[in-house]
Amino acid sequence: MNTLNKTLALIALASSSAAFAATDFDTLDVDGNGVISQSEASVDATLMSKFTELDTDGNGELSKEEFSKA
């Protein structure tokens, strides 16, 4: 039973890590306009917590260059 729990925990960890790794600029830029709006960024809590800091030009959107500093 303990082995089963460990296996299930590893599967859950691997799947959550894969989902997090899939969060890239193109995935978040849902409308494909070349920037990430606050609305688009809202699906990623970590990105939202850093959004204002990353938005160095203060236009309310993240360019690829700004996003790459995340």
PDB file of N, CA and C in Angstrom:
ATOM      1  N   MET A   1       0.822  -1.200   0.000  1.00  0.00           N
ATOM      2  CA  MET A   1       0.000   0.000   0.000  1.00  0.00           C
ATOM      3  C   MET A   1       0.862   1.260   0.000  1.00  0.00           C
ATOM      4  N   ASN A   2       1.950   1.272   0.767  1.00  0.00           N
ATOM      5  CA  ASN A   2       2.828   2.424   0.837  1.00  0.00           C
ATOM      6  C   ASN A   2       3.460   2.708  -0.521  1.00  0.00           C
ATOM      7  N   THR A   3       3.819   1.670  -1.254  1.00  0.00           N
ATOM      8  CA  THR A   3       4.391   1.834  -2.594  1.00  0.00           C
ATOM      9  C   THR A   3       3.372   2.465  -3.530  1.00  0.00           C
ATOM     10  N   LEU A   4       2.135   2.069  -3.413  1.00  0.00           N
ATOM     11  CA  LEU A   4       1.072   2.632  -4.241  1.00  0.00           C
ATOM     12  C   LEU A   4       0.927   4.126  -3.974  1.00  0.00           C
ATOM     13  N   ASN A   5       0.950   4.531  -2.717  1.00  0.00           N
ATOM     14  CA  ASN A   5       0.851   5.950  -2.364  1.00  0.00           C
ATOM     15  C   ASN A   5       2.019   6.752  -2.934  1.00  0.00           C
ATOM     16  N   LYS A   6       3.225   6.193  -2.845  1.00  0.00           N
ATOM     17  CA  LYS A   6       4.397   6.869  -3.397  1.00  0.00           C
ATOM     18  C   LYS A   6       4.283   7.005  -4.907  1.00  0.00           C
ATOM     19  N   THR A   7       3.803   5.957  -5.561  1.00  0.00           N
ATOM     20  CA  THR A   7       3.645   5.990  -7.014  1.00  0.00           C
ATOM     21  C   THR A   7       2.633   7.048  -7.420  1.00  0.00           C
ATOM     22  N   LEU A   8       1.522   7.101  -6.723  1.00  0.00           N
ATOM     23  CA  LEU A   8       0.495   8.098  -7.021  1.00  0.00           C
ATOM     24  C   LEU A   8       1.014   9.513  -6.775  1.00  0.00           C
ATOM     25  N   ALA A   9       1.795   9.689  -5.722  1.00  0.00           N
ATOM     26  CA  ALA A   9       2.371  11.008  -5.431  1.00  0.00           C
ATOM     27  C   ALA A   9       3.338  11.429  -6.533  1.00  0.00           C
ATOM     28  N   LEU A  10       4.141  10.491  -7.023  1.00  0.00           N
ATOM     29  CA  LEU A  10       5.072  10.797  -8.114  1.00  0.00           C
ATOM     30  C   LEU A  10       4.340  11.153  -9.400  1.00  0.00           C
ATOM     31  N   ILE A  11       3.261  10.454  -9.689  1.00  0.00           N
ATOM     32  CA  ILE A  11       2.469  10.751 -10.883  1.00  0.00           C
ATOM     33  C   ILE A  11       1.858  12.144 -10.778  1.00  0.00           C
ATOM     34  N   ALA A  12       1.330  12.475  -9.615  1.00  0.00           N
ATOM     35  CA  ALA A  12       0.734  13.795  -9.410  1.00  0.00           C
ATOM     36  C   ALA A  12       1.785  14.887  -9.540  1.00  0.00           C
ATOM     37  N   LEU A  13       2.946  14.671  -8.977  1.00  0.00           N
ATOM     38  CA  LEU A  13       4.026  15.654  -9.064  1.00  0.00           C
ATOM     39  C   LEU A  13       4.484  15.839 -10.508  1.00  0.00           C
ATOM     40  N   ALA A  14       4.642  14.760 -11.220  1.00  0.00           N
ATOM     41  CA  ALA A  14       5.089  14.837 -12.614  1.00  0.00           C
ATOM     42  C   ALA A  14       4.070  15.561 -13.479  1.00  0.00           C
ATOM     43  N   SER A  15       2.802  15.284 -13.264  1.00  0.00           N
ATOM     44  CA  SER A  15       1.783  15.935 -14.096  1.00  0.00           C
ATOM     45  C   SER A  15       1.658  17.415 -13.762  1.00  0.00           C
ATOM     46  N   SER A  16       1.810  17.792 -12.505  1.00  0.00           N
ATOM     47  CA  SER A  16       1.726  19.211 -12.159  1.00  0.00           C
ATOM     48  C   SER A  16       2.955  19.956 -12.665  1.00  0.00           C
ATOM     49  N   SER A  17       4.106  19.335 -12.648  1.00  0.00           N
ATOM     50  CA  SER A  17       5.319  19.955 -13.173  1.00  0.00           C
ATOM     51  C   SER A  17       5.211  20.141 -14.674  1.00  0.00           C
ATOM     52  N   ALA A  18       4.637  19.181 -15.359  1.00  0.00           N
ATOM     53  CA  ALA A  18       4.470  19.290 -16.806  1.00  0.00           C
ATOM     54  C   ALA A  18       3.525  20.427 -17.140  1.00  0.00           C
ATOM     55  N   ALA A  19       2.480  20.577 -16.366  1.00  0.00           N
ATOM     56  CA  ALA A  19       1.529  21.666 -16.617  1.00  0.00           C
ATOM     57  C   ALA A  19       2.199  23.012 -16.385  1.00  0.00           C
ATOM     58  N   PHE A  20       3.015  23.113 -15.351  1.00  0.00           N
ATOM     59  CA  PHE A  20       3.696  24.367 -15.065  1.00  0.00           C
ATOM     60  C   PHE A  20       4.702  24.685 -16.167  1.00  0.00           C
ATOM     61  N   ALA A  21       5.416  23.685 -16.643  1.00  0.00           N
ATOM     62  CA  ALA A  21       6.423  23.898 -17.681  1.00  0.00           C
ATOM     63  C   ALA A  21       5.781  24.349 -18.987  1.00  0.00           C
ATOM     64  N   ALA A  22       4.514  24.007 -19.187  1.00  0.00           N
ATOM     65  CA  ALA A  22       3.830  24.385 -20.422  1.00  0.00           C
ATOM     66  C   ALA A  22       3.421  25.854 -20.420  1.00  0.00           C
ATOM     67  N   THR A  23       3.589  26.528 -19.291  1.00  0.00           N
ATOM     68  CA  THR A  23       3.235  27.934 -19.207  1.00  0.00           C
ATOM     69  C   THR A  23       4.361  28.759 -19.812  1.00  0.00           C
ATOM     70  N   ASP A  24       4.249  28.992 -21.120  1.00  0.00           N
ATOM     71  CA  ASP A  24       5.234  29.816 -21.794  1.00  0.00           C
ATOM     72  C   ASP A  24       4.526  31.004 -22.434  1.00  0.00           C
ATOM     73  N   PHE A  25       5.288  31.883 -23.035  1.00  0.00           N
ATOM     74  CA  PHE A  25       4.733  33.114 -23.584  1.00  0.00           C
ATOM     75  C   PHE A  25       3.602  32.833 -24.579  1.00  0.00           C
ATOM     76  N   ASP A  26       3.866  31.959 -25.539  1.00  0.00           N
ATOM     77  CA  ASP A  26       2.876  31.700 -26.585  1.00  0.00           C
ATOM     78  C   ASP A  26       1.605  31.054 -26.042  1.00  0.00           C
ATOM     79  N   THR A  27       1.742  30.242 -24.999  1.00  0.00           N
ATOM     80  CA  THR A  27       0.565  29.631 -24.382  1.00  0.00           C
ATOM     81  C   THR A  27      -0.284  30.684 -23.680  1.00  0.00           C
ATOM     82  N   LEU A  28       0.379  31.613 -23.000  1.00  0.00           N
ATOM     83  CA  LEU A  28      -0.347  32.648 -22.265  1.00  0.00           C
ATOM     84  C   LEU A  28      -0.924  33.728 -23.180  1.00  0.00           C
ATOM     85  N   ASP A  29      -0.285  33.977 -24.309  1.00  0.00           N
ATOM     86  CA  ASP A  29      -0.761  34.984 -25.263  1.00  0.00           C
ATOM     87  C   ASP A  29      -1.907  34.389 -26.081  1.00  0.00           C
ATOM     88  N   VAL A  30      -3.042  34.242 -25.435  1.00  0.00           N
ATOM     89  CA  VAL A  30      -4.190  33.539 -26.003  1.00  0.00           C
ATOM     90  C   VAL A  30      -4.686  34.189 -27.296  1.00  0.00           C
ATOM     91  N   ASP A  31      -4.731  35.514 -27.348  1.00  0.00           N
ATOM     92  CA  ASP A  31      -5.250  36.172 -28.550  1.00  0.00           C
ATOM     93  C   ASP A  31      -4.187  36.371 -29.628  1.00  0.00           C
ATOM     94  N   GLY A  32      -2.949  35.986 -29.331  1.00  0.00           N
ATOM     95  CA  GLY A  32      -1.890  36.024 -30.325  1.00  0.00           C
ATOM     96  C   GLY A  32      -1.460  37.404 -30.778  1.00  0.00           C
ATOM     97  N   ASN A  33      -1.656  38.420 -29.934  1.00  0.00           N
ATOM     98  CA  ASN A  33      -1.300  39.788 -30.331  1.00  0.00           C
ATOM     99  C   ASN A  33       0.130  40.174 -29.974  1.00  0.00           C
ATOM    100  N   GLY A  34       0.912  39.224 -29.466  1.00  0.00           N
ATOM    101  CA  GLY A  34       2.315  39.487 -29.183  1.00  0.00           C
ATOM    102  C   GLY A  34       2.618  40.026 -27.808  1.00  0.00           C
ATOM    103  N   VAL A  35       1.610  40.190 -26.968  1.00  0.00           N
ATOM    104  CA  VAL A  35       1.794  40.619 -25.580  1.00  0.00           C
ATOM    105  C   VAL A  35       0.867  39.813 -24.675  1.00  0.00           C
ATOM    106  N   ILE A  36       1.193  39.790 -23.390  1.00  0.00           N
ATOM    107  CA  ILE A  36       0.348  39.119 -22.401  1.00  0.00           C
ATOM    108  C   ILE A  36      -0.337  40.187 -21.565  1.00  0.00           C
ATOM    109  N   SER A  37      -1.649  40.224 -21.639  1.00  0.00           N
ATOM    110  CA  SER A  37      -2.427  41.175 -20.843  1.00  0.00           C
ATOM    111  C   SER A  37      -2.567  40.647 -19.417  1.00  0.00           C
ATOM    112  N   GLN A  38      -3.038  41.497 -18.516  1.00  0.00           N
ATOM    113  CA  GLN A  38      -3.283  41.042 -17.150  1.00  0.00           C
ATOM    114  C   GLN A  38      -4.347  39.959 -17.134  1.00  0.00           C
ATOM    115  N   SER A  39      -5.322  40.076 -18.003  1.00  0.00           N
ATOM    116  CA  SER A  39      -6.369  39.060 -18.081  1.00  0.00           C
ATOM    117  C   SER A  39      -5.778  37.712 -18.485  1.00  0.00           C
ATOM    118  N   GLU A  40      -4.894  37.722 -19.481  1.00  0.00           N
ATOM    119  CA  GLU A  40      -4.268  36.477 -19.915  1.00  0.00           C
ATOM    120  C   GLU A  40      -3.336  35.933 -18.838  1.00  0.00           C
ATOM    121  N   ALA A  41      -2.634  36.801 -18.141  1.00  0.00           N
ATOM    122  CA  ALA A  41      -1.703  36.384 -17.094  1.00  0.00           C
ATOM    123  C   ALA A  41      -2.421  35.846 -15.863  1.00  0.00           C
ATOM    124  N   SER A  42      -3.699  36.176 -15.706  1.00  0.00           N
ATOM    125  CA  SER A  42      -4.431  35.795 -14.493  1.00  0.00           C
ATOM    126  C   SER A  42      -4.553  34.290 -14.301  1.00  0.00           C
ATOM    127  N   VAL A  43      -4.285  33.491 -15.329  1.00  0.00           N
ATOM    128  CA  VAL A  43      -4.338  32.034 -15.179  1.00  0.00           C
ATOM    129  C   VAL A  43      -3.117  31.487 -14.452  1.00  0.00           C
ATOM    130  N   ASP A  44      -2.093  32.317 -14.251  1.00  0.00           N
ATOM    131  CA  ASP A  44      -0.864  31.891 -13.585  1.00  0.00           C
ATOM    132  C   ASP A  44      -0.629  32.786 -12.364  1.00  0.00           C
ATOM    133  N   ALA A  45      -0.902  32.250 -11.185  1.00  0.00           N
ATOM    134  CA  ALA A  45      -0.805  33.038  -9.950  1.00  0.00           C
ATOM    135  C   ALA A  45       0.603  33.585  -9.724  1.00  0.00           C
ATOM    136  N   THR A  46       1.617  32.816 -10.057  1.00  0.00           N
ATOM    137  CA  THR A  46       2.989  33.279  -9.869  1.00  0.00           C
ATOM    138  C   THR A  46       3.281  34.459 -10.777  1.00  0.00           C
ATOM    139  N   LEU A  47       2.863  34.362 -12.023  1.00  0.00           N
ATOM    140  CA  LEU A  47       3.081  35.461 -12.957  1.00  0.00           C
ATOM    141  C   LEU A  47       2.318  36.701 -12.508  1.00  0.00           C
ATOM    142  N   MET A  48       1.099  36.536 -12.049  1.00  0.00           N
ATOM    143  CA  MET A  48       0.309  37.688 -11.597  1.00  0.00           C
ATOM    144  C   MET A  48       0.969  38.376 -10.407  1.00  0.00           C
ATOM    145  N   SER A  49       1.593  37.603  -9.539  1.00  0.00           N
ATOM    146  CA  SER A  49       2.237  38.216  -8.373  1.00  0.00           C
ATOM    147  C   SER A  49       3.439  39.068  -8.766  1.00  0.00           C
ATOM    148  N   LYS A  50       4.011  38.815  -9.958  1.00  0.00           N
ATOM    149  CA  LYS A  50       5.173  39.559 -10.430  1.00  0.00           C
ATOM    150  C   LYS A  50       4.832  40.513 -11.578  1.00  0.00           C
ATOM    151  N   PHE A  51       3.575  40.551 -11.986  1.00  0.00           N
ATOM    152  CA  PHE A  51       3.195  41.266 -13.204  1.00  0.00           C
ATOM    153  C   PHE A  51       3.642  42.724 -13.199  1.00  0.00           C
ATOM    154  N   THR A  52       3.332  43.452 -12.155  1.00  0.00           N
ATOM    155  CA  THR A  52       3.680  44.881 -12.088  1.00  0.00           C
ATOM    156  C   THR A  52       5.185  45.080 -12.148  1.00  0.00           C
ATOM    157  N   GLU A  53       5.924  44.231 -11.467  1.00  0.00           N
ATOM    158  CA  GLU A  53       7.388  44.317 -11.479  1.00  0.00           C
ATOM    159  C   GLU A  53       7.952  44.037 -12.880  1.00  0.00           C
ATOM    160  N   LEU A  54       7.365  43.060 -13.575  1.00  0.00           N
ATOM    161  CA  LEU A  54       7.849  42.691 -14.912  1.00  0.00           C
ATOM    162  C   LEU A  54       7.451  43.704 -15.974  1.00  0.00           C
ATOM    163  N   ASP A  55       6.334  44.380 -15.775  1.00  0.00           N
ATOM    164  CA  ASP A  55       5.835  45.358 -16.748  1.00  0.00           C
ATOM    165  C   ASP A  55       6.634  46.652 -16.611  1.00  0.00           C
ATOM    166  N   THR A  56       7.869  46.618 -17.096  1.00  0.00           N
ATOM    167  CA  THR A  56       8.801  47.727 -16.858  1.00  0.00           C
ATOM    168  C   THR A  56       8.404  49.017 -17.564  1.00  0.00           C
ATOM    169  N   ASP A  57       7.655  48.926 -18.667  1.00  0.00           N
ATOM    170  CA  ASP A  57       7.235  50.163 -19.338  1.00  0.00           C
ATOM    171  C   ASP A  57       5.877  50.660 -18.847  1.00  0.00           C
ATOM    172  N   GLY A  58       5.247  49.891 -17.946  1.00  0.00           N
ATOM    173  CA  GLY A  58       4.007  50.325 -17.314  1.00  0.00           C
ATOM    174  C   GLY A  58       2.795  50.417 -18.221  1.00  0.00           C
ATOM    175  N   ASN A  59       2.799  49.661 -19.330  1.00  0.00           N
ATOM    176  CA  ASN A  59       1.671  49.751 -20.261  1.00  0.00           C
ATOM    177  C   ASN A  59       0.566  48.734 -19.973  1.00  0.00           C
ATOM    178  N   GLY A  60       0.701  47.953 -18.910  1.00  0.00           N
ATOM    179  CA  GLY A  60      -0.336  46.985 -18.555  1.00  0.00           C
ATOM    180  C   GLY A  60      -0.272  45.694 -19.330  1.00  0.00           C
ATOM    181  N   GLU A  61       0.810  45.494 -20.076  1.00  0.00           N
ATOM    182  CA  GLU A  61       0.999  44.272 -20.856  1.00  0.00           C
ATOM    183  C   GLU A  61       2.453  43.841 -20.733  1.00  0.00           C
ATOM    184  N   LEU A  62       2.681  42.530 -20.934  1.00  0.00           N
ATOM    185  CA  LEU A  62       4.045  42.021 -20.916  1.00  0.00           C
ATOM    186  C   LEU A  62       4.470  41.649 -22.329  1.00  0.00           C
ATOM    187  N   SER A  63       5.558  42.243 -22.771  1.00  0.00           N
ATOM    188  CA  SER A  63       6.147  41.856 -24.051  1.00  0.00           C
ATOM    189  C   SER A  63       6.935  40.567 -23.847  1.00  0.00           C
ATOM    190  N   LYS A  64       7.411  39.964 -24.941  1.00  0.00           N
ATOM    191  CA  LYS A  64       8.244  38.765 -24.809  1.00  0.00           C
ATOM    192  C   LYS A  64       9.493  39.092 -24.002  1.00  0.00           C
ATOM    193  N   GLU A  65      10.062  40.259 -24.234  1.00  0.00           N
ATOM    194  CA  GLU A  65      11.277  40.651 -23.511  1.00  0.00           C
ATOM    195  C   GLU A  65      10.998  40.772 -22.017  1.00  0.00           C
ATOM    196  N   GLU A  66       9.899  41.418 -21.649  1.00  0.00           N
ATOM    197  CA  GLU A  66       9.553  41.557 -20.228  1.00  0.00           C
ATOM    198  C   GLU A  66       9.261  40.196 -19.619  1.00  0.00           C
ATOM    199  N   PHE A  67       8.526  39.358 -20.338  1.00  0.00           N
ATOM    200  CA  PHE A  67       8.158  38.024 -19.837  1.00  0.00           C
ATOM    201  C   PHE A  67       9.400  37.163 -19.631  1.00  0.00           C
ATOM    202  N   SER A  68      10.403  37.326 -20.483  1.00  0.00           N
ATOM    203  CA  SER A  68      11.605  36.482 -20.388  1.00  0.00           C
ATOM    204  C   SER A  68      12.366  36.714 -19.096  1.00  0.00           C
ATOM    205  N   LYS A  69      12.094  37.804 -18.402  1.00  0.00           N
ATOM    206  CA  LYS A  69      12.760  38.105 -17.133  1.00  0.00           C
ATOM    207  C   LYS A  69      12.052  37.488 -15.946  1.00  0.00           C
ATOM    208  N   ALA A  70      10.961  36.793 -16.207  1.00  0.00           N
ATOM    209  CA  ALA A  70      10.175  36.172 -15.130  1.00  0.00           C
ATOM    210  C   ALA A  70      10.917  35.009 -14.498  1.00  0.00           C
TER     211      ALA A  70
END
